[in-house]
Amino acid sequence: MRSILILVLVLFTAFSVYVTKETNYWGAFPPFDNLNTTQIFIDLLISASLVIYLLYKNRVKTKQSILPITLCGIGTIFLGSIAILVYFIWDKSLYQDSRE
């Protein structure tokens, strides 16, 4: 699983760097130019918020520091899913088999 996450991170980050180079960082804004981009923006906002919330609840449940997930949430504002992918790669307990 970790190998797949790293591959997705590398490929998506490379694509994001290319797009940013071609359009600049603010090229995607405003995301509310039409209904299509508004729907996509809201959908991604809801998805990212749910992931961050579930990761936060997991850390509280397991009595771990919430600092990493707080940093991930801040990173998500600026980097989107790249921050979440980095967090998933970093926190191996999320995808390791509990029977090990």
PDB file of N, CA and C in Angstrom:
ATOM      1  N   MET A   1       0.820  -1.188   0.000  1.00  0.00           N
ATOM      2  CA  MET A   1       0.000   0.000   0.000  1.00  0.00           C
ATOM      3  C   MET A   1       0.869   1.260   0.000  1.00  0.00           C
ATOM      4  N   ARG A   2       1.932   1.231   0.798  1.00  0.00           N
ATOM      5  CA  ARG A   2       2.800   2.409   0.891  1.00  0.00           C
ATOM      6  C   ARG A   2       3.434   2.727  -0.462  1.00  0.00           C
ATOM      7  N   SER A   3       3.828   1.708  -1.204  1.00  0.00           N
ATOM      8  CA  SER A   3       4.435   1.907  -2.524  1.00  0.00           C
ATOM      9  C   SER A   3       3.461   2.589  -3.476  1.00  0.00           C
ATOM     10  N   ILE A   4       2.203   2.187  -3.414  1.00  0.00           N
ATOM     11  CA  ILE A   4       1.181   2.796  -4.266  1.00  0.00           C
ATOM     12  C   ILE A   4       0.992   4.258  -3.888  1.00  0.00           C
ATOM     13  N   LEU A   5       0.940   4.543  -2.592  1.00  0.00           N
ATOM     14  CA  LEU A   5       0.786   5.930  -2.135  1.00  0.00           C
ATOM     15  C   LEU A   5       1.961   6.796  -2.588  1.00  0.00           C
ATOM     16  N   ILE A   6       3.164   6.266  -2.502  1.00  0.00           N
ATOM     17  CA  ILE A   6       4.346   7.016  -2.930  1.00  0.00           C
ATOM     18  C   ILE A   6       4.292   7.269  -4.434  1.00  0.00           C
ATOM     19  N   LEU A   7       3.899   6.262  -5.206  1.00  0.00           N
ATOM     20  CA  LEU A   7       3.781   6.428  -6.649  1.00  0.00           C
ATOM     21  C   LEU A   7       2.742   7.503  -6.997  1.00  0.00           C
ATOM     22  N   VAL A   8       1.584   7.448  -6.361  1.00  0.00           N
ATOM     23  CA  VAL A   8       0.544   8.456  -6.596  1.00  0.00           C
ATOM     24  C   VAL A   8       1.053   9.837  -6.207  1.00  0.00           C
ATOM     25  N   LEU A   9       1.735   9.933  -5.068  1.00  0.00           N
ATOM     26  CA  LEU A   9       2.281  11.217  -4.620  1.00  0.00           C
ATOM     27  C   LEU A   9       3.259  11.787  -5.636  1.00  0.00           C
ATOM     28  N   VAL A  10       4.186  10.971  -6.105  1.00  0.00           N
ATOM     29  CA  VAL A  10       5.199  11.436  -7.058  1.00  0.00           C
ATOM     30  C   VAL A  10       4.543  11.880  -8.366  1.00  0.00           C
ATOM     31  N   LEU A  11       3.658  11.054  -8.909  1.00  0.00           N
ATOM     32  CA  LEU A  11       3.020  11.383 -10.181  1.00  0.00           C
ATOM     33  C   LEU A  11       2.127  12.619 -10.079  1.00  0.00           C
ATOM     34  N   PHE A  12       1.327  12.680  -9.028  1.00  0.00           N
ATOM     35  CA  PHE A  12       0.422  13.819  -8.881  1.00  0.00           C
ATOM     36  C   PHE A  12       1.180  15.107  -8.575  1.00  0.00           C
ATOM     37  N   THR A  13       2.234  15.011  -7.775  1.00  0.00           N
ATOM     38  CA  THR A  13       3.046  16.195  -7.486  1.00  0.00           C
ATOM     39  C   THR A  13       3.717  16.697  -8.755  1.00  0.00           C
ATOM     40  N   ALA A  14       4.238  15.792  -9.565  1.00  0.00           N
ATOM     41  CA  ALA A  14       4.856  16.202 -10.833  1.00  0.00           C
ATOM     42  C   ALA A  14       3.829  16.881 -11.734  1.00  0.00           C
ATOM     43  N   PHE A  15       2.643  16.312 -11.827  1.00  0.00           N
ATOM     44  CA  PHE A  15       1.590  16.922 -12.633  1.00  0.00           C
ATOM     45  C   PHE A  15       1.208  18.298 -12.076  1.00  0.00           C
ATOM     46  N   SER A  16       1.089  18.399 -10.759  1.00  0.00           N
ATOM     47  CA  SER A  16       0.736  19.674 -10.126  1.00  0.00           C
ATOM     48  C   SER A  16       1.795  20.736 -10.376  1.00  0.00           C
ATOM     49  N   VAL A  17       3.069  20.350 -10.305  1.00  0.00           N
ATOM     50  CA  VAL A  17       4.156  21.294 -10.584  1.00  0.00           C
ATOM     51  C   VAL A  17       4.073  21.770 -12.028  1.00  0.00           C
ATOM     52  N   TYR A  18       3.814  20.846 -12.953  1.00  0.00           N
ATOM     53  CA  TYR A  18       3.685  21.209 -14.367  1.00  0.00           C
ATOM     54  C   TYR A  18       2.527  22.193 -14.574  1.00  0.00           C
ATOM     55  N   VAL A  19       1.368  21.887 -14.000  1.00  0.00           N
ATOM     56  CA  VAL A  19       0.197  22.756 -14.155  1.00  0.00           C
ATOM     57  C   VAL A  19       0.466  24.126 -13.543  1.00  0.00           C
ATOM     58  N   THR A  20       1.084  24.142 -12.368  1.00  0.00           N
ATOM     59  CA  THR A  20       1.397  25.415 -11.715  1.00  0.00           C
ATOM     60  C   THR A  20       2.373  26.223 -12.555  1.00  0.00           C
ATOM     61  N   LYS A  21       3.337  25.549 -13.150  1.00  0.00           N
ATOM     62  CA  LYS A  21       4.305  26.233 -14.011  1.00  0.00           C
ATOM     63  C   LYS A  21       3.617  26.842 -15.227  1.00  0.00           C
ATOM     64  N   GLU A  22       2.666  26.123 -15.785  1.00  0.00           N
ATOM     65  CA  GLU A  22       1.973  26.589 -16.992  1.00  0.00           C
ATOM     66  C   GLU A  22       0.935  27.682 -16.711  1.00  0.00           C
ATOM     67  N   THR A  23       0.256  27.605 -15.569  1.00  0.00           N
ATOM     68  CA  THR A  23      -0.869  28.519 -15.317  1.00  0.00           C
ATOM     69  C   THR A  23      -0.658  29.437 -14.121  1.00  0.00           C
ATOM     70  N   ASN A  24       0.370  29.261 -13.361  1.00  0.00           N
ATOM     71  CA  ASN A  24       0.700  29.878 -12.075  1.00  0.00           C
ATOM     72  C   ASN A  24      -0.242  29.384 -10.986  1.00  0.00           C
ATOM     73  N   TYR A  25       0.138  29.588  -9.742  1.00  0.00           N
ATOM     74  CA  TYR A  25      -0.605  29.021  -8.614  1.00  0.00           C
ATOM     75  C   TYR A  25      -2.040  29.522  -8.579  1.00  0.00           C
ATOM     76  N   TRP A  26      -2.230  30.770  -8.883  1.00  0.00           N
ATOM     77  CA  TRP A  26      -3.563  31.368  -8.773  1.00  0.00           C
ATOM     78  C   TRP A  26      -4.392  31.152 -10.031  1.00  0.00           C
ATOM     79  N   GLY A  27      -3.876  30.401 -11.008  1.00  0.00           N
ATOM     80  CA  GLY A  27      -4.604  30.147 -12.243  1.00  0.00           C
ATOM     81  C   GLY A  27      -5.911  29.405 -12.029  1.00  0.00           C
ATOM     82  N   ALA A  28      -6.015  28.646 -10.946  1.00  0.00           N
ATOM     83  CA  ALA A  28      -7.235  27.886 -10.660  1.00  0.00           C
ATOM     84  C   ALA A  28      -8.283  28.728  -9.950  1.00  0.00           C
ATOM     85  N   PHE A  29      -7.948  29.961  -9.621  1.00  0.00           N
ATOM     86  CA  PHE A  29      -8.881  30.807  -8.892  1.00  0.00           C
ATOM     87  C   PHE A  29      -9.387  31.908  -9.788  1.00  0.00           C
ATOM     88  N   PRO A  30     -10.572  32.394  -9.674  1.00  0.00           N
ATOM     89  CA  PRO A  30     -11.548  31.960  -8.681  1.00  0.00           C
ATOM     90  C   PRO A  30     -12.206  30.643  -9.101  1.00  0.00           C
ATOM     91  N   PRO A  31     -12.460  29.768  -8.126  1.00  0.00           N
ATOM     92  CA  PRO A  31     -13.062  28.479  -8.470  1.00  0.00           C
ATOM     93  C   PRO A  31     -14.559  28.589  -8.729  1.00  0.00           C
ATOM     94  N   PHE A  32     -15.096  29.784  -8.670  1.00  0.00           N
ATOM     95  CA  PHE A  32     -16.540  29.957  -8.815  1.00  0.00           C
ATOM     96  C   PHE A  32     -16.910  30.654 -10.120  1.00  0.00           C
ATOM     97  N   ASP A  33     -16.106  30.428 -11.172  1.00  0.00           N
ATOM     98  CA  ASP A  33     -16.385  31.037 -12.473  1.00  0.00           C
ATOM     99  C   ASP A  33     -17.694  30.534 -13.070  1.00  0.00           C
ATOM    100  N   ASN A  34     -18.003  29.272 -12.844  1.00  0.00           N
ATOM    101  CA  ASN A  34     -19.262  28.713 -13.349  1.00  0.00           C
ATOM    102  C   ASN A  34     -19.707  27.596 -12.410  1.00  0.00           C
ATOM    103  N   LEU A  35     -20.874  27.039 -12.669  1.00  0.00           N
ATOM    104  CA  LEU A  35     -21.415  26.005 -11.779  1.00  0.00           C
ATOM    105  C   LEU A  35     -20.552  24.749 -11.737  1.00  0.00           C
ATOM    106  N   ASN A  36     -19.920  24.402 -12.852  1.00  0.00           N
ATOM    107  CA  ASN A  36     -19.064  23.207 -12.873  1.00  0.00           C
ATOM    108  C   ASN A  36     -17.903  23.331 -11.899  1.00  0.00           C
ATOM    109  N   THR A  37     -17.177  24.437 -11.981  1.00  0.00           N
ATOM    110  CA  THR A  37     -16.027  24.600 -11.092  1.00  0.00           C
ATOM    111  C   THR A  37     -16.469  24.789  -9.647  1.00  0.00           C
ATOM    112  N   THR A  38     -17.615  25.406  -9.433  1.00  0.00           N
ATOM    113  CA  THR A  38     -18.137  25.560  -8.071  1.00  0.00           C
ATOM    114  C   THR A  38     -18.456  24.199  -7.470  1.00  0.00           C
ATOM    115  N   GLN A  39     -19.104  23.331  -8.251  1.00  0.00           N
ATOM    116  CA  GLN A  39     -19.450  21.997  -7.762  1.00  0.00           C
ATOM    117  C   GLN A  39     -18.194  21.193  -7.459  1.00  0.00           C
ATOM    118  N   ILE A  40     -17.200  21.239  -8.325  1.00  0.00           N
ATOM    119  CA  ILE A  40     -15.956  20.505  -8.116  1.00  0.00           C
ATOM    120  C   ILE A  40     -15.235  21.025  -6.878  1.00  0.00           C
ATOM    121  N   PHE A  41     -15.158  22.334  -6.716  1.00  0.00           N
ATOM    122  CA  PHE A  41     -14.496  22.927  -5.566  1.00  0.00           C
ATOM    123  C   PHE A  41     -15.176  22.498  -4.261  1.00  0.00           C
ATOM    124  N   ILE A  42     -16.491  22.580  -4.212  1.00  0.00           N
ATOM    125  CA  ILE A  42     -17.227  22.200  -3.000  1.00  0.00           C
ATOM    126  C   ILE A  42     -17.069  20.708  -2.726  1.00  0.00           C
ATOM    127  N   ASP A  43     -17.115  19.885  -3.764  1.00  0.00           N
ATOM    128  CA  ASP A  43     -16.934  18.443  -3.604  1.00  0.00           C
ATOM    129  C   ASP A  43     -15.565  18.126  -3.005  1.00  0.00           C
ATOM    130  N   LEU A  44     -14.524  18.744  -3.536  1.00  0.00           N
ATOM    131  CA  LEU A  44     -13.173  18.507  -3.019  1.00  0.00           C
ATOM    132  C   LEU A  44     -13.017  19.034  -1.591  1.00  0.00           C
ATOM    133  N   LEU A  45     -13.653  20.157  -1.298  1.00  0.00           N
ATOM    134  CA  LEU A  45     -13.620  20.712   0.056  1.00  0.00           C
ATOM    135  C   LEU A  45     -14.274  19.753   1.054  1.00  0.00           C
ATOM    136  N   ILE A  46     -15.418  19.214   0.689  1.00  0.00           N
ATOM    137  CA  ILE A  46     -16.114  18.257   1.559  1.00  0.00           C
ATOM    138  C   ILE A  46     -15.274  16.994   1.736  1.00  0.00           C
ATOM    139  N   SER A  47     -14.731  16.467   0.652  1.00  0.00           N
ATOM    140  CA  SER A  47     -13.915  15.244   0.731  1.00  0.00           C
ATOM    141  C   SER A  47     -12.697  15.439   1.624  1.00  0.00           C
ATOM    142  N   ALA A  48     -11.960  16.516   1.399  1.00  0.00           N
ATOM    143  CA  ALA A  48     -10.764  16.774   2.199  1.00  0.00           C
ATOM    144  C   ALA A  48     -11.127  16.996   3.662  1.00  0.00           C
ATOM    145  N   SER A  49     -12.217  17.699   3.915  1.00  0.00           N
ATOM    146  CA  SER A  49     -12.646  17.948   5.293  1.00  0.00           C
ATOM    147  C   SER A  49     -12.995  16.650   6.009  1.00  0.00           C
ATOM    148  N   LEU A  50     -13.677  15.752   5.309  1.00  0.00           N
ATOM    149  CA  LEU A  50     -14.025  14.460   5.915  1.00  0.00           C
ATOM    150  C   LEU A  50     -12.786  13.633   6.227  1.00  0.00           C
ATOM    151  N   VAL A  51     -11.832  13.617   5.318  1.00  0.00           N
ATOM    152  CA  VAL A  51     -10.589  12.869   5.548  1.00  0.00           C
ATOM    153  C   VAL A  51      -9.854  13.437   6.760  1.00  0.00           C
ATOM    154  N   ILE A  52      -9.705  14.759   6.805  1.00  0.00           N
ATOM    155  CA  ILE A  52      -9.012  15.392   7.933  1.00  0.00           C
ATOM    156  C   ILE A  52      -9.743  15.089   9.241  1.00  0.00           C
ATOM    157  N   TYR A  53     -11.070  15.180   9.234  1.00  0.00           N
ATOM    158  CA  TYR A  53     -11.856  14.905  10.438  1.00  0.00           C
ATOM    159  C   TYR A  53     -11.661  13.466  10.909  1.00  0.00           C
ATOM    160  N   LEU A  54     -11.734  12.506   9.982  1.00  0.00           N
ATOM    161  CA  LEU A  54     -11.569  11.100  10.368  1.00  0.00           C
ATOM    162  C   LEU A  54     -10.155  10.817  10.880  1.00  0.00           C
ATOM    163  N   LEU A  55      -9.162  11.428  10.271  1.00  0.00           N
ATOM    164  CA  LEU A  55      -7.795  11.261  10.756  1.00  0.00           C
ATOM    165  C   LEU A  55      -7.638  11.870  12.149  1.00  0.00           C
ATOM    166  N   TYR A  56      -8.256  13.025  12.362  1.00  0.00           N
ATOM    167  CA  TYR A  56      -8.226  13.673  13.687  1.00  0.00           C
ATOM    168  C   TYR A  56      -8.876  12.756  14.732  1.00  0.00           C
ATOM    169  N   LYS A  57     -10.075  12.232  14.418  1.00  0.00           N
ATOM    170  CA  LYS A  57     -10.769  11.352  15.365  1.00  0.00           C
ATOM    171  C   LYS A  57      -9.936  10.116  15.686  1.00  0.00           C
ATOM    172  N   ASN A  58      -9.234   9.563  14.694  1.00  0.00           N
ATOM    173  CA  ASN A  58      -8.384   8.397  14.905  1.00  0.00           C
ATOM    174  C   ASN A  58      -7.243   8.738  15.869  1.00  0.00           C
ATOM    175  N   ARG A  59      -6.641   9.902  15.703  1.00  0.00           N
ATOM    176  CA  ARG A  59      -5.527  10.282  16.584  1.00  0.00           C
ATOM    177  C   ARG A  59      -6.021  10.506  18.011  1.00  0.00           C
ATOM    178  N   VAL A  60      -7.189  11.112  18.175  1.00  0.00           N
ATOM    179  CA  VAL A  60      -7.750  11.318  19.512  1.00  0.00           C
ATOM    180  C   VAL A  60      -8.086   9.972  20.141  1.00  0.00           C
ATOM    181  N   LYS A  61      -8.695   9.086  19.366  1.00  0.00           N
ATOM    182  CA  LYS A  61      -9.082   7.763  19.865  1.00  0.00           C
ATOM    183  C   LYS A  61      -7.868   6.961  20.329  1.00  0.00           C
ATOM    184  N   THR A  62      -6.768   7.079  19.611  1.00  0.00           N
ATOM    185  CA  THR A  62      -5.566   6.330  19.959  1.00  0.00           C
ATOM    186  C   THR A  62      -4.630   7.118  20.877  1.00  0.00           C
ATOM    187  N   LYS A  63      -5.133   8.256  21.361  1.00  0.00           N
ATOM    188  CA  LYS A  63      -4.398   9.101  22.318  1.00  0.00           C
ATOM    189  C   LYS A  63      -3.028   9.534  21.787  1.00  0.00           C
ATOM    190  N   GLN A  64      -3.011   9.907  20.504  1.00  0.00           N
ATOM    191  CA  GLN A  64      -1.795  10.416  19.887  1.00  0.00           C
ATOM    192  C   GLN A  64      -1.903  11.932  19.754  1.00  0.00           C
ATOM    193  N   SER A  65      -0.776  12.570  19.596  1.00  0.00           N
ATOM    194  CA  SER A  65      -0.743  14.020  19.419  1.00  0.00           C
ATOM    195  C   SER A  65      -1.535  14.415  18.177  1.00  0.00           C
ATOM    196  N   ILE A  66      -2.263  15.534  18.263  1.00  0.00           N
ATOM    197  CA  ILE A  66      -3.012  16.016  17.100  1.00  0.00           C
ATOM    198  C   ILE A  66      -2.187  16.992  16.260  1.00  0.00           C
ATOM    199  N   LEU A  67      -0.951  17.273  16.673  1.00  0.00           N
ATOM    200  CA  LEU A  67      -0.103  18.197  15.910  1.00  0.00           C
ATOM    201  C   LEU A  67       0.092  17.740  14.458  1.00  0.00           C
ATOM    202  N   PRO A  68       0.413  16.462  14.191  1.00  0.00           N
ATOM    203  CA  PRO A  68       0.598  16.062  12.791  1.00  0.00           C
ATOM    204  C   PRO A  68      -0.653  16.286  11.925  1.00  0.00           C
ATOM    205  N   ILE A  69      -1.826  15.989  12.470  1.00  0.00           N
ATOM    206  CA  ILE A  69      -3.038  16.171  11.671  1.00  0.00           C
ATOM    207  C   ILE A  69      -3.379  17.647  11.535  1.00  0.00           C
ATOM    208  N   THR A  70      -3.021  18.451  12.523  1.00  0.00           N
ATOM    209  CA  THR A  70      -3.202  19.900  12.404  1.00  0.00           C
ATOM    210  C   THR A  70      -2.330  20.444  11.282  1.00  0.00           C
ATOM    211  N   LEU A  71      -1.074  20.006  11.237  1.00  0.00           N
ATOM    212  CA  LEU A  71      -0.180  20.421  10.156  1.00  0.00           C
ATOM    213  C   LEU A  71      -0.681  19.919   8.803  1.00  0.00           C
ATOM    214  N   CYS A  72      -1.230  18.719   8.784  1.00  0.00           N
ATOM    215  CA  CYS A  72      -1.791  18.172   7.550  1.00  0.00           C
ATOM    216  C   CYS A  72      -2.972  19.022   7.086  1.00  0.00           C
ATOM    217  N   GLY A  73      -3.809  19.435   8.008  1.00  0.00           N
ATOM    218  CA  GLY A  73      -4.945  20.288   7.658  1.00  0.00           C
ATOM    219  C   GLY A  73      -4.496  21.617   7.079  1.00  0.00           C
ATOM    220  N   ILE A  74      -3.494  22.222   7.687  1.00  0.00           N
ATOM    221  CA  ILE A  74      -2.949  23.481   7.168  1.00  0.00           C
ATOM    222  C   ILE A  74      -2.311  23.246   5.803  1.00  0.00           C
ATOM    223  N   GLY A  75      -1.563  22.164   5.680  1.00  0.00           N
ATOM    224  CA  GLY A  75      -0.944  21.834   4.396  1.00  0.00           C
ATOM    225  C   GLY A  75      -1.966  21.591   3.304  1.00  0.00           C
ATOM    226  N   THR A  76      -3.115  21.014   3.675  1.00  0.00           N
ATOM    227  CA  THR A  76      -4.165  20.748   2.702  1.00  0.00           C
ATOM    228  C   THR A  76      -4.723  22.038   2.111  1.00  0.00           C
ATOM    229  N   ILE A  77      -4.754  23.091   2.908  1.00  0.00           N
ATOM    230  CA  ILE A  77      -5.230  24.387   2.404  1.00  0.00           C
ATOM    231  C   ILE A  77      -4.361  24.850   1.245  1.00  0.00           C
ATOM    232  N   PHE A  78      -3.050  24.637   1.353  1.00  0.00           N
ATOM    233  CA  PHE A  78      -2.119  25.130   0.334  1.00  0.00           C
ATOM    234  C   PHE A  78      -1.765  24.089  -0.731  1.00  0.00           C
ATOM    235  N   LEU A  79      -1.759  22.813  -0.363  1.00  0.00           N
ATOM    236  CA  LEU A  79      -1.287  21.773  -1.279  1.00  0.00           C
ATOM    237  C   LEU A  79      -2.352  20.754  -1.675  1.00  0.00           C
ATOM    238  N   GLY A  80      -3.538  20.873  -1.107  1.00  0.00           N
ATOM    239  CA  GLY A  80      -4.606  19.931  -1.425  1.00  0.00           C
ATOM    240  C   GLY A  80      -4.259  18.519  -0.994  1.00  0.00           C
ATOM    241  N   SER A  81      -4.549  17.558  -1.843  1.00  0.00           N
ATOM    242  CA  SER A  81      -4.376  16.152  -1.485  1.00  0.00           C
ATOM    243  C   SER A  81      -2.920  15.738  -1.336  1.00  0.00           C
ATOM    244  N   ILE A  82      -1.993  16.559  -1.798  1.00  0.00           N
ATOM    245  CA  ILE A  82      -0.570  16.228  -1.610  1.00  0.00           C
ATOM    246  C   ILE A  82      -0.254  16.127  -0.122  1.00  0.00           C
ATOM    247  N   ALA A  83      -0.780  17.048   0.676  1.00  0.00           N
ATOM    248  CA  ALA A  83      -0.543  17.009   2.128  1.00  0.00           C
ATOM    249  C   ALA A  83      -1.141  15.746   2.746  1.00  0.00           C
ATOM    250  N   ILE A  84      -2.322  15.369   2.299  1.00  0.00           N
ATOM    251  CA  ILE A  84      -2.968  14.171   2.828  1.00  0.00           C
ATOM    252  C   ILE A  84      -2.191  12.919   2.414  1.00  0.00           C
ATOM    253  N   LEU A  85      -1.705  12.876   1.182  1.00  0.00           N
ATOM    254  CA  LEU A  85      -0.887  11.739   0.742  1.00  0.00           C
ATOM    255  C   LEU A  85       0.392  11.619   1.577  1.00  0.00           C
ATOM    256  N   VAL A  86       1.040  12.742   1.845  1.00  0.00           N
ATOM    257  CA  VAL A  86       2.249  12.725   2.680  1.00  0.00           C
ATOM    258  C   VAL A  86       1.920  12.197   4.072  1.00  0.00           C
ATOM    259  N   TYR A  87       0.793  12.636   4.630  1.00  0.00           N
ATOM    260  CA  TYR A  87       0.389  12.159   5.952  1.00  0.00           C
ATOM    261  C   TYR A  87       0.154  10.648   5.937  1.00  0.00           C
ATOM    262  N   PHE A  88      -0.536  10.144   4.911  1.00  0.00           N
ATOM    263  CA  PHE A  88      -0.800   8.705   4.821  1.00  0.00           C
ATOM    264  C   PHE A  88       0.495   7.916   4.700  1.00  0.00           C
ATOM    265  N   ILE A  89       1.451   8.430   3.963  1.00  0.00           N
ATOM    266  CA  ILE A  89       2.744   7.748   3.834  1.00  0.00           C
ATOM    267  C   ILE A  89       3.490   7.783   5.161  1.00  0.00           C
ATOM    268  N   TRP A  90       3.414   8.905   5.864  1.00  0.00           N
ATOM    269  CA  TRP A  90       4.120   9.081   7.128  1.00  0.00           C
ATOM    270  C   TRP A  90       3.526   8.207   8.240  1.00  0.00           C
ATOM    271  N   ASP A  91       2.195   8.163   8.356  1.00  0.00           N
ATOM    272  CA  ASP A  91       1.541   7.432   9.444  1.00  0.00           C
ATOM    273  C   ASP A  91       1.208   6.010   8.991  1.00  0.00           C
ATOM    274  N   LYS A  92       2.169   5.123   9.148  1.00  0.00           N
ATOM    275  CA  LYS A  92       2.033   3.746   8.674  1.00  0.00           C
ATOM    276  C   LYS A  92       0.912   2.979   9.393  1.00  0.00           C
ATOM    277  N   SER A  93       0.533   3.431  10.571  1.00  0.00           N
ATOM    278  CA  SER A  93      -0.515   2.726  11.315  1.00  0.00           C
ATOM    279  C   SER A  93      -1.862   2.773  10.610  1.00  0.00           C
ATOM    280  N   LEU A  94      -2.021   3.685   9.660  1.00  0.00           N
ATOM    281  CA  LEU A  94      -3.307   3.795   8.953  1.00  0.00           C
ATOM    282  C   LEU A  94      -3.562   2.631   8.006  1.00  0.00           C
ATOM    283  N   TYR A  95      -2.507   2.016   7.505  1.00  0.00           N
ATOM    284  CA  TYR A  95      -2.719   0.964   6.514  1.00  0.00           C
ATOM    285  C   TYR A  95      -2.013  -0.348   6.848  1.00  0.00           C
ATOM    286  N   GLN A  96      -1.417  -0.431   8.024  1.00  0.00           N
ATOM    287  CA  GLN A  96      -0.802  -1.689   8.415  1.00  0.00           C
ATOM    288  C   GLN A  96      -1.875  -2.616   8.974  1.00  0.00           C
ATOM    289  N   ASP A  97      -1.699  -3.893   8.747  1.00  0.00           N
ATOM    290  CA  ASP A  97      -2.622  -4.900   9.248  1.00  0.00           C
ATOM    291  C   ASP A  97      -2.468  -4.978  10.761  1.00  0.00           C
ATOM    292  N   SER A  98      -3.582  -4.870  11.469  1.00  0.00           N
ATOM    293  CA  SER A  98      -3.539  -4.885  12.935  1.00  0.00           C
ATOM    294  C   SER A  98      -3.152  -6.262  13.482  1.00  0.00           C
ATOM    295  N   ARG A  99      -3.190  -7.291  12.654  1.00  0.00           N
ATOM    296  CA  ARG A  99      -2.839  -8.644  13.116  1.00  0.00           C
ATOM    297  C   ARG A  99      -1.330  -8.864  13.160  1.00  0.00           C
ATOM    298  N   GLU A 100      -0.567  -7.925  12.612  1.00  0.00           N
ATOM    299  CA  GLU A 100       0.899  -8.109  12.565  1.00  0.00           C
ATOM    300  C   GLU A 100       1.498  -7.925  13.927  1.00  0.00           C
TER     301      GLU A 100
END
